[in-house]
Amino acid sequence: MKERDSTPPATLPEAPAATEGVIQFRYTLRAPGAADRIGSTVLATLEACRATLRNAGLIGRDANRYGGFAFGNVSAR
């Protein structure tokens, strides 16, 4: 897969409440390799954590926050 530069399609409003704690970034997509795969146990743990955080309102999407962009993140290393 050819690498490409991905830039967010929109910017956030300049209101202080909408930009506080917001990180804007660029990233490069590439085809995943064997080292990028995670096991089913790790994936199940991440999904359980994500569900707990979403139910608590700590990750998700709210039309009244951050210009409607999604917020929060769950990852594994």
PDB file of N, CA and C in Angstrom:
ATOM      1  N   MET A   1       0.844  -1.173   0.000  1.00  0.00           N
ATOM      2  CA  MET A   1       0.000   0.000   0.000  1.00  0.00           C
ATOM      3  C   MET A   1       0.891   1.237   0.000  1.00  0.00           C
ATOM      4  N   LYS A   2       0.552   2.192  -0.823  1.00  0.00           N
ATOM      5  CA  LYS A   2       1.320   3.429  -0.915  1.00  0.00           C
ATOM      6  C   LYS A   2       1.030   4.321   0.286  1.00  0.00           C
ATOM      7  N   GLU A   3       2.094   4.900   0.868  1.00  0.00           N
ATOM      8  CA  GLU A   3       1.899   5.804   2.003  1.00  0.00           C
ATOM      9  C   GLU A   3       1.281   7.103   1.520  1.00  0.00           C
ATOM     10  N   ARG A   4       0.436   7.684   2.355  1.00  0.00           N
ATOM     11  CA  ARG A   4      -0.175   8.966   2.011  1.00  0.00           C
ATOM     12  C   ARG A   4      -0.285   9.827   3.251  1.00  0.00           C
ATOM     13  N   ASP A   5      -0.235  11.104   3.050  1.00  0.00           N
ATOM     14  CA  ASP A   5      -0.353  12.058   4.149  1.00  0.00           C
ATOM     15  C   ASP A   5      -1.835  12.335   4.350  1.00  0.00           C
ATOM     16  N   SER A   6      -2.311  12.168   5.565  1.00  0.00           N
ATOM     17  CA  SER A   6      -3.717  12.420   5.872  1.00  0.00           C
ATOM     18  C   SER A   6      -3.819  13.644   6.755  1.00  0.00           C
ATOM     19  N   THR A   7      -4.606  14.594   6.334  1.00  0.00           N
ATOM     20  CA  THR A   7      -4.804  15.824   7.076  1.00  0.00           C
ATOM     21  C   THR A   7      -6.268  15.896   7.483  1.00  0.00           C
ATOM     22  N   PRO A   8      -6.567  16.270   8.727  1.00  0.00           N
ATOM     23  CA  PRO A   8      -7.970  16.389   9.135  1.00  0.00           C
ATOM     24  C   PRO A   8      -8.728  17.305   8.176  1.00  0.00           C
ATOM     25  N   PRO A   9      -9.974  16.959   7.821  1.00  0.00           N
ATOM     26  CA  PRO A   9     -10.717  17.727   6.835  1.00  0.00           C
ATOM     27  C   PRO A   9     -11.243  19.066   7.331  1.00  0.00           C
ATOM     28  N   ALA A  10     -11.287  19.276   8.618  1.00  0.00           N
ATOM     29  CA  ALA A  10     -11.841  20.521   9.148  1.00  0.00           C
ATOM     30  C   ALA A  10     -11.024  20.965  10.348  1.00  0.00           C
ATOM     31  N   THR A  11     -11.178  22.209  10.722  1.00  0.00           N
ATOM     32  CA  THR A  11     -10.501  22.714  11.914  1.00  0.00           C
ATOM     33  C   THR A  11     -11.537  23.002  12.981  1.00  0.00           C
ATOM     34  N   LEU A  12     -11.095  23.045  14.207  1.00  0.00           N
ATOM     35  CA  LEU A  12     -11.988  23.304  15.332  1.00  0.00           C
ATOM     36  C   LEU A  12     -12.281  24.787  15.454  1.00  0.00           C
ATOM     37  N   PRO A  13     -13.430  25.142  16.016  1.00  0.00           N
ATOM     38  CA  PRO A  13     -13.727  26.555  16.271  1.00  0.00           C
ATOM     39  C   PRO A  13     -12.690  27.142  17.219  1.00  0.00           C
ATOM     40  N   GLU A  14     -12.519  28.431  17.180  1.00  0.00           N
ATOM     41  CA  GLU A  14     -11.496  29.089  17.993  1.00  0.00           C
ATOM     42  C   GLU A  14     -11.961  29.439  19.404  1.00  0.00           C
ATOM     43  N   ALA A  15     -13.126  28.995  19.827  1.00  0.00           N
ATOM     44  CA  ALA A  15     -13.595  29.273  21.184  1.00  0.00           C
ATOM     45  C   ALA A  15     -12.717  28.526  22.181  1.00  0.00           C
ATOM     46  N   PRO A  16     -12.295  29.165  23.290  1.00  0.00           N
ATOM     47  CA  PRO A  16     -11.402  28.506  24.253  1.00  0.00           C
ATOM     48  C   PRO A  16     -11.932  27.167  24.759  1.00  0.00           C
ATOM     49  N   ALA A  17     -13.217  27.074  25.044  1.00  0.00           N
ATOM     50  CA  ALA A  17     -13.774  25.830  25.572  1.00  0.00           C
ATOM     51  C   ALA A  17     -13.694  24.705  24.546  1.00  0.00           C
ATOM     52  N   ALA A  18     -13.723  25.056  23.260  1.00  0.00           N
ATOM     53  CA  ALA A  18     -13.704  24.041  22.212  1.00  0.00           C
ATOM     54  C   ALA A  18     -12.303  23.547  21.905  1.00  0.00           C
ATOM     55  N   THR A  19     -11.279  24.305  22.266  1.00  0.00           N
ATOM     56  CA  THR A  19      -9.918  23.906  21.910  1.00  0.00           C
ATOM     57  C   THR A  19      -9.077  23.486  23.103  1.00  0.00           C
ATOM     58  N   GLU A  20      -9.556  23.672  24.298  1.00  0.00           N
ATOM     59  CA  GLU A  20      -8.783  23.291  25.479  1.00  0.00           C
ATOM     60  C   GLU A  20      -8.578  21.780  25.509  1.00  0.00           C
ATOM     61  N   GLY A  21      -7.336  21.364  25.598  1.00  0.00           N
ATOM     62  CA  GLY A  21      -7.010  19.949  25.661  1.00  0.00           C
ATOM     63  C   GLY A  21      -7.064  19.225  24.332  1.00  0.00           C
ATOM     64  N   VAL A  22      -7.261  19.952  23.230  1.00  0.00           N
ATOM     65  CA  VAL A  22      -7.358  19.339  21.912  1.00  0.00           C
ATOM     66  C   VAL A  22      -5.974  19.229  21.292  1.00  0.00           C
ATOM     67  N   ILE A  23      -5.654  18.069  20.759  1.00  0.00           N
ATOM     68  CA  ILE A  23      -4.386  17.859  20.066  1.00  0.00           C
ATOM     69  C   ILE A  23      -4.694  17.681  18.587  1.00  0.00           C
ATOM     70  N   GLN A  24      -4.132  18.532  17.746  1.00  0.00           N
ATOM     71  CA  GLN A  24      -4.280  18.379  16.306  1.00  0.00           C
ATOM     72  C   GLN A  24      -2.986  17.784  15.776  1.00  0.00           C
ATOM     73  N   PHE A  25      -3.083  16.878  14.816  1.00  0.00           N
ATOM     74  CA  PHE A  25      -1.893  16.183  14.340  1.00  0.00           C
ATOM     75  C   PHE A  25      -2.074  15.733  12.903  1.00  0.00           C
ATOM     76  N   ARG A  26      -0.987  15.318  12.303  1.00  0.00           N
ATOM     77  CA  ARG A  26      -0.988  14.680  10.988  1.00  0.00           C
ATOM     78  C   ARG A  26      -0.450  13.270  11.170  1.00  0.00           C
ATOM     79  N   TYR A  27      -0.796  12.395  10.270  1.00  0.00           N
ATOM     80  CA  TYR A  27      -0.303  11.028  10.362  1.00  0.00           C
ATOM     81  C   TYR A  27      -0.148  10.442   8.968  1.00  0.00           C
ATOM     82  N   THR A  28       0.599   9.383   8.869  1.00  0.00           N
ATOM     83  CA  THR A  28       0.816   8.692   7.609  1.00  0.00           C
ATOM     84  C   THR A  28       0.258   7.284   7.738  1.00  0.00           C
ATOM     85  N   LEU A  29      -0.607   6.907   6.807  1.00  0.00           N
ATOM     86  CA  LEU A  29      -1.171   5.562   6.811  1.00  0.00           C
ATOM     87  C   LEU A  29      -0.263   4.635   6.012  1.00  0.00           C
ATOM     88  N   ARG A  30      -0.112   3.425   6.481  1.00  0.00           N
ATOM     89  CA  ARG A  30       0.654   2.418   5.756  1.00  0.00           C
ATOM     90  C   ARG A  30      -0.029   1.077   5.963  1.00  0.00           C
ATOM     91  N   ALA A  31       0.268   0.155   5.102  1.00  0.00           N
ATOM     92  CA  ALA A  31      -0.310  -1.182   5.233  1.00  0.00           C
ATOM     93  C   ALA A  31       0.217  -1.825   6.510  1.00  0.00           C
ATOM     94  N   PRO A  32      -0.644  -2.469   7.297  1.00  0.00           N
ATOM     95  CA  PRO A  32      -0.173  -3.107   8.530  1.00  0.00           C
ATOM     96  C   PRO A  32       0.681  -4.331   8.223  1.00  0.00           C
ATOM     97  N   GLY A  33       1.646  -4.574   9.073  1.00  0.00           N
ATOM     98  CA  GLY A  33       2.502  -5.751   8.957  1.00  0.00           C
ATOM     99  C   GLY A  33       2.234  -6.697  10.106  1.00  0.00           C
ATOM    100  N   ALA A  34       2.950  -7.799  10.142  1.00  0.00           N
ATOM    101  CA  ALA A  34       2.758  -8.803  11.192  1.00  0.00           C
ATOM    102  C   ALA A  34       2.997  -8.221  12.581  1.00  0.00           C
ATOM    103  N   ALA A  35       3.947  -7.302  12.708  1.00  0.00           N
ATOM    104  CA  ALA A  35       4.258  -6.702  14.015  1.00  0.00           C
ATOM    105  C   ALA A  35       3.137  -5.796  14.513  1.00  0.00           C
ATOM    106  N   ASP A  36       2.231  -5.389  13.625  1.00  0.00           N
ATOM    107  CA  ASP A  36       1.136  -4.496  14.004  1.00  0.00           C
ATOM    108  C   ASP A  36      -0.072  -5.248  14.550  1.00  0.00           C
ATOM    109  N   ARG A  37      -0.097  -6.542  14.395  1.00  0.00           N
ATOM    110  CA  ARG A  37      -1.246  -7.334  14.852  1.00  0.00           C
ATOM    111  C   ARG A  37      -1.235  -7.474  16.371  1.00  0.00           C
ATOM    112  N   ILE A  38      -2.424  -7.435  16.950  1.00  0.00           N
ATOM    113  CA  ILE A  38      -2.533  -7.667  18.392  1.00  0.00           C
ATOM    114  C   ILE A  38      -3.350  -8.934  18.603  1.00  0.00           C
ATOM    115  N   GLY A  39      -3.113  -9.590  19.697  1.00  0.00           N
ATOM    116  CA  GLY A  39      -3.807 -10.836  19.991  1.00  0.00           C
ATOM    117  C   GLY A  39      -5.255 -10.615  20.389  1.00  0.00           C
ATOM    118  N   SER A  40      -6.038 -11.674  20.326  1.00  0.00           N
ATOM    119  CA  SER A  40      -7.463 -11.575  20.648  1.00  0.00           C
ATOM    120  C   SER A  40      -7.695 -11.214  22.111  1.00  0.00           C
ATOM    121  N   THR A  41      -6.803 -11.618  23.009  1.00  0.00           N
ATOM    122  CA  THR A  41      -6.949 -11.275  24.427  1.00  0.00           C
ATOM    123  C   THR A  41      -6.767  -9.777  24.637  1.00  0.00           C
ATOM    124  N   VAL A  42      -5.745  -9.205  23.998  1.00  0.00           N
ATOM    125  CA  VAL A  42      -5.505  -7.761  24.107  1.00  0.00           C
ATOM    126  C   VAL A  42      -6.668  -7.004  23.483  1.00  0.00           C
ATOM    127  N   LEU A  43      -7.143  -7.458  22.329  1.00  0.00           N
ATOM    128  CA  LEU A  43      -8.265  -6.796  21.667  1.00  0.00           C
ATOM    129  C   LEU A  43      -9.518  -6.831  22.541  1.00  0.00           C
ATOM    130  N   ALA A  44      -9.802  -7.956  23.154  1.00  0.00           N
ATOM    131  CA  ALA A  44     -10.972  -8.063  24.038  1.00  0.00           C
ATOM    132  C   ALA A  44     -10.841  -7.126  25.233  1.00  0.00           C
ATOM    133  N   THR A  45      -9.635  -7.010  25.779  1.00  0.00           N
ATOM    134  CA  THR A  45      -9.398  -6.095  26.907  1.00  0.00           C
ATOM    135  C   THR A  45      -9.619  -4.652  26.481  1.00  0.00           C
ATOM    136  N   LEU A  46      -9.090  -4.283  25.308  1.00  0.00           N
ATOM    137  CA  LEU A  46      -9.286  -2.918  24.802  1.00  0.00           C
ATOM    138  C   LEU A  46     -10.763  -2.619  24.573  1.00  0.00           C
ATOM    139  N   GLU A  47     -11.480  -3.563  23.990  1.00  0.00           N
ATOM    140  CA  GLU A  47     -12.908  -3.356  23.734  1.00  0.00           C
ATOM    141  C   GLU A  47     -13.687  -3.189  25.039  1.00  0.00           C
ATOM    142  N   ALA A  48     -13.332  -3.951  26.064  1.00  0.00           N
ATOM    143  CA  ALA A  48     -14.001  -3.826  27.365  1.00  0.00           C
ATOM    144  C   ALA A  48     -13.707  -2.468  27.997  1.00  0.00           C
ATOM    145  N   CYS A  49     -12.450  -2.035  27.923  1.00  0.00           N
ATOM    146  CA  CYS A  49     -12.080  -0.713  28.459  1.00  0.00           C
ATOM    147  C   CYS A  49     -12.806   0.391  27.705  1.00  0.00           C
ATOM    148  N   ARG A  50     -12.861   0.267  26.382  1.00  0.00           N
ATOM    149  CA  ARG A  50     -13.526   1.279  25.567  1.00  0.00           C
ATOM    150  C   ARG A  50     -15.010   1.378  25.926  1.00  0.00           C
ATOM    151  N   ALA A  51     -15.658   0.243  26.105  1.00  0.00           N
ATOM    152  CA  ALA A  51     -17.080   0.244  26.460  1.00  0.00           C
ATOM    153  C   ALA A  51     -17.305   0.921  27.809  1.00  0.00           C
ATOM    154  N   THR A  52     -16.443   0.631  28.777  1.00  0.00           N
ATOM    155  CA  THR A  52     -16.559   1.253  30.104  1.00  0.00           C
ATOM    156  C   THR A  52     -16.393   2.764  30.006  1.00  0.00           C
ATOM    157  N   LEU A  53     -15.367   3.215  29.277  1.00  0.00           N
ATOM    158  CA  LEU A  53     -15.120   4.657  29.129  1.00  0.00           C
ATOM    159  C   LEU A  53     -16.249   5.340  28.361  1.00  0.00           C
ATOM    160  N   ARG A  54     -16.763   4.680  27.319  1.00  0.00           N
ATOM    161  CA  ARG A  54     -17.863   5.267  26.536  1.00  0.00           C
ATOM    162  C   ARG A  54     -19.119   5.390  27.395  1.00  0.00           C
ATOM    163  N   ASN A  55     -19.430   4.369  28.167  1.00  0.00           N
ATOM    164  CA  ASN A  55     -20.610   4.421  29.040  1.00  0.00           C
ATOM    165  C   ASN A  55     -20.490   5.512  30.099  1.00  0.00           C
ATOM    166  N   ALA A  56     -19.263   5.826  30.500  1.00  0.00           N
ATOM    167  CA  ALA A  56     -19.029   6.890  31.485  1.00  0.00           C
ATOM    168  C   ALA A  56     -18.965   8.271  30.831  1.00  0.00           C
ATOM    169  N   GLY A  57     -19.050   8.324  29.495  1.00  0.00           N
ATOM    170  CA  GLY A  57     -19.002   9.603  28.789  1.00  0.00           C
ATOM    171  C   GLY A  57     -17.605  10.188  28.663  1.00  0.00           C
ATOM    172  N   LEU A  58     -16.577   9.361  28.876  1.00  0.00           N
ATOM    173  CA  LEU A  58     -15.200   9.849  28.825  1.00  0.00           C
ATOM    174  C   LEU A  58     -14.593   9.771  27.428  1.00  0.00           C
ATOM    175  N   ILE A  59     -15.182   8.962  26.550  1.00  0.00           N
ATOM    176  CA  ILE A  59     -14.812   8.956  25.139  1.00  0.00           C
ATOM    177  C   ILE A  59     -16.098   8.902  24.340  1.00  0.00           C
ATOM    178  N   GLY A  60     -16.052   9.359  23.113  1.00  0.00           N
ATOM    179  CA  GLY A  60     -17.238   9.330  22.269  1.00  0.00           C
ATOM    180  C   GLY A  60     -17.304  10.529  21.352  1.00  0.00           C
ATOM    181  N   ARG A  61     -18.519  10.991  21.110  1.00  0.00           N
ATOM    182  CA  ARG A  61     -18.747  12.135  20.240  1.00  0.00           C
ATOM    183  C   ARG A  61     -19.930  12.911  20.791  1.00  0.00           C
ATOM    184  N   ASP A  62     -19.779  14.223  20.823  1.00  0.00           N
ATOM    185  CA  ASP A  62     -20.824  15.111  21.317  1.00  0.00           C
ATOM    186  C   ASP A  62     -20.866  16.310  20.382  1.00  0.00           C
ATOM    187  N   ALA A  63     -22.015  16.569  19.793  1.00  0.00           N
ATOM    188  CA  ALA A  63     -22.143  17.680  18.847  1.00  0.00           C
ATOM    189  C   ALA A  63     -21.802  19.024  19.476  1.00  0.00           C
ATOM    190  N   ASN A  64     -21.897  19.128  20.798  1.00  0.00           N
ATOM    191  CA  ASN A  64     -21.630  20.395  21.481  1.00  0.00           C
ATOM    192  C   ASN A  64     -20.185  20.540  21.953  1.00  0.00           C
ATOM    193  N   ARG A  65     -19.352  19.539  21.735  1.00  0.00           N
ATOM    194  CA  ARG A  65     -17.949  19.596  22.166  1.00  0.00           C
ATOM    195  C   ARG A  65     -17.032  19.433  20.964  1.00  0.00           C
ATOM    196  N   TYR A  66     -15.968  20.203  20.925  1.00  0.00           N
ATOM    197  CA  TYR A  66     -14.913  20.057  19.918  1.00  0.00           C
ATOM    198  C   TYR A  66     -15.444  20.079  18.489  1.00  0.00           C
ATOM    199  N   GLY A  67     -16.450  20.888  18.249  1.00  0.00           N
ATOM    200  CA  GLY A  67     -16.987  21.002  16.898  1.00  0.00           C
ATOM    201  C   GLY A  67     -17.615  19.717  16.388  1.00  0.00           C
ATOM    202  N   GLY A  68     -18.033  18.836  17.287  1.00  0.00           N
ATOM    203  CA  GLY A  68     -18.656  17.578  16.889  1.00  0.00           C
ATOM    204  C   GLY A  68     -17.671  16.450  16.613  1.00  0.00           C
ATOM    205  N   PHE A  69     -16.365  16.739  16.714  1.00  0.00           N
ATOM    206  CA  PHE A  69     -15.373  15.687  16.507  1.00  0.00           C
ATOM    207  C   PHE A  69     -15.404  14.701  17.670  1.00  0.00           C
ATOM    208  N   ALA A  70     -14.981  13.476  17.415  1.00  0.00           N
ATOM    209  CA  ALA A  70     -14.896  12.468  18.474  1.00  0.00           C
ATOM    210  C   ALA A  70     -13.778  12.828  19.440  1.00  0.00           C
ATOM    211  N   PHE A  71     -13.884  12.329  20.670  1.00  0.00           N
ATOM    212  CA  PHE A  71     -12.863  12.605  21.679  1.00  0.00           C
ATOM    213  C   PHE A  71     -12.563  11.338  22.460  1.00  0.00           C
ATOM    214  N   GLY A  72     -11.353  11.281  23.003  1.00  0.00           N
ATOM    215  CA  GLY A  72     -10.927  10.136  23.790  1.00  0.00           C
ATOM    216  C   GLY A  72     -10.188   9.116  22.938  1.00  0.00           C
ATOM    217  N   ASN A  73      -9.447   8.254  23.602  1.00  0.00           N
ATOM    218  CA  ASN A  73      -8.638   7.278  22.886  1.00  0.00           C
ATOM    219  C   ASN A  73      -8.305   6.113  23.812  1.00  0.00           C
ATOM    220  N   VAL A  74      -8.271   4.933  23.244  1.00  0.00           N
ATOM    221  CA  VAL A  74      -7.834   3.740  23.961  1.00  0.00           C
ATOM    222  C   VAL A  74      -6.809   3.061  23.060  1.00  0.00           C
ATOM    223  N   SER A  75      -5.650   2.727  23.609  1.00  0.00           N
ATOM    224  CA  SER A  75      -4.621   2.080  22.791  1.00  0.00           C
ATOM    225  C   SER A  75      -3.812   1.096  23.624  1.00  0.00           C
ATOM    226  N   ALA A  76      -3.068   0.267  22.931  1.00  0.00           N
ATOM    227  CA  ALA A  76      -2.181  -0.705  23.585  1.00  0.00           C
ATOM    228  C   ALA A  76      -0.807  -0.593  22.959  1.00  0.00           C
ATOM    229  N   ARG A  77       0.212  -0.905  23.744  1.00  0.00           N
ATOM    230  CA  ARG A  77       1.588  -0.915  23.224  1.00  0.00           C
ATOM    231  C   ARG A  77       2.195  -2.266  23.450  1.00  0.00           C
TER     232      ARG A  77
END
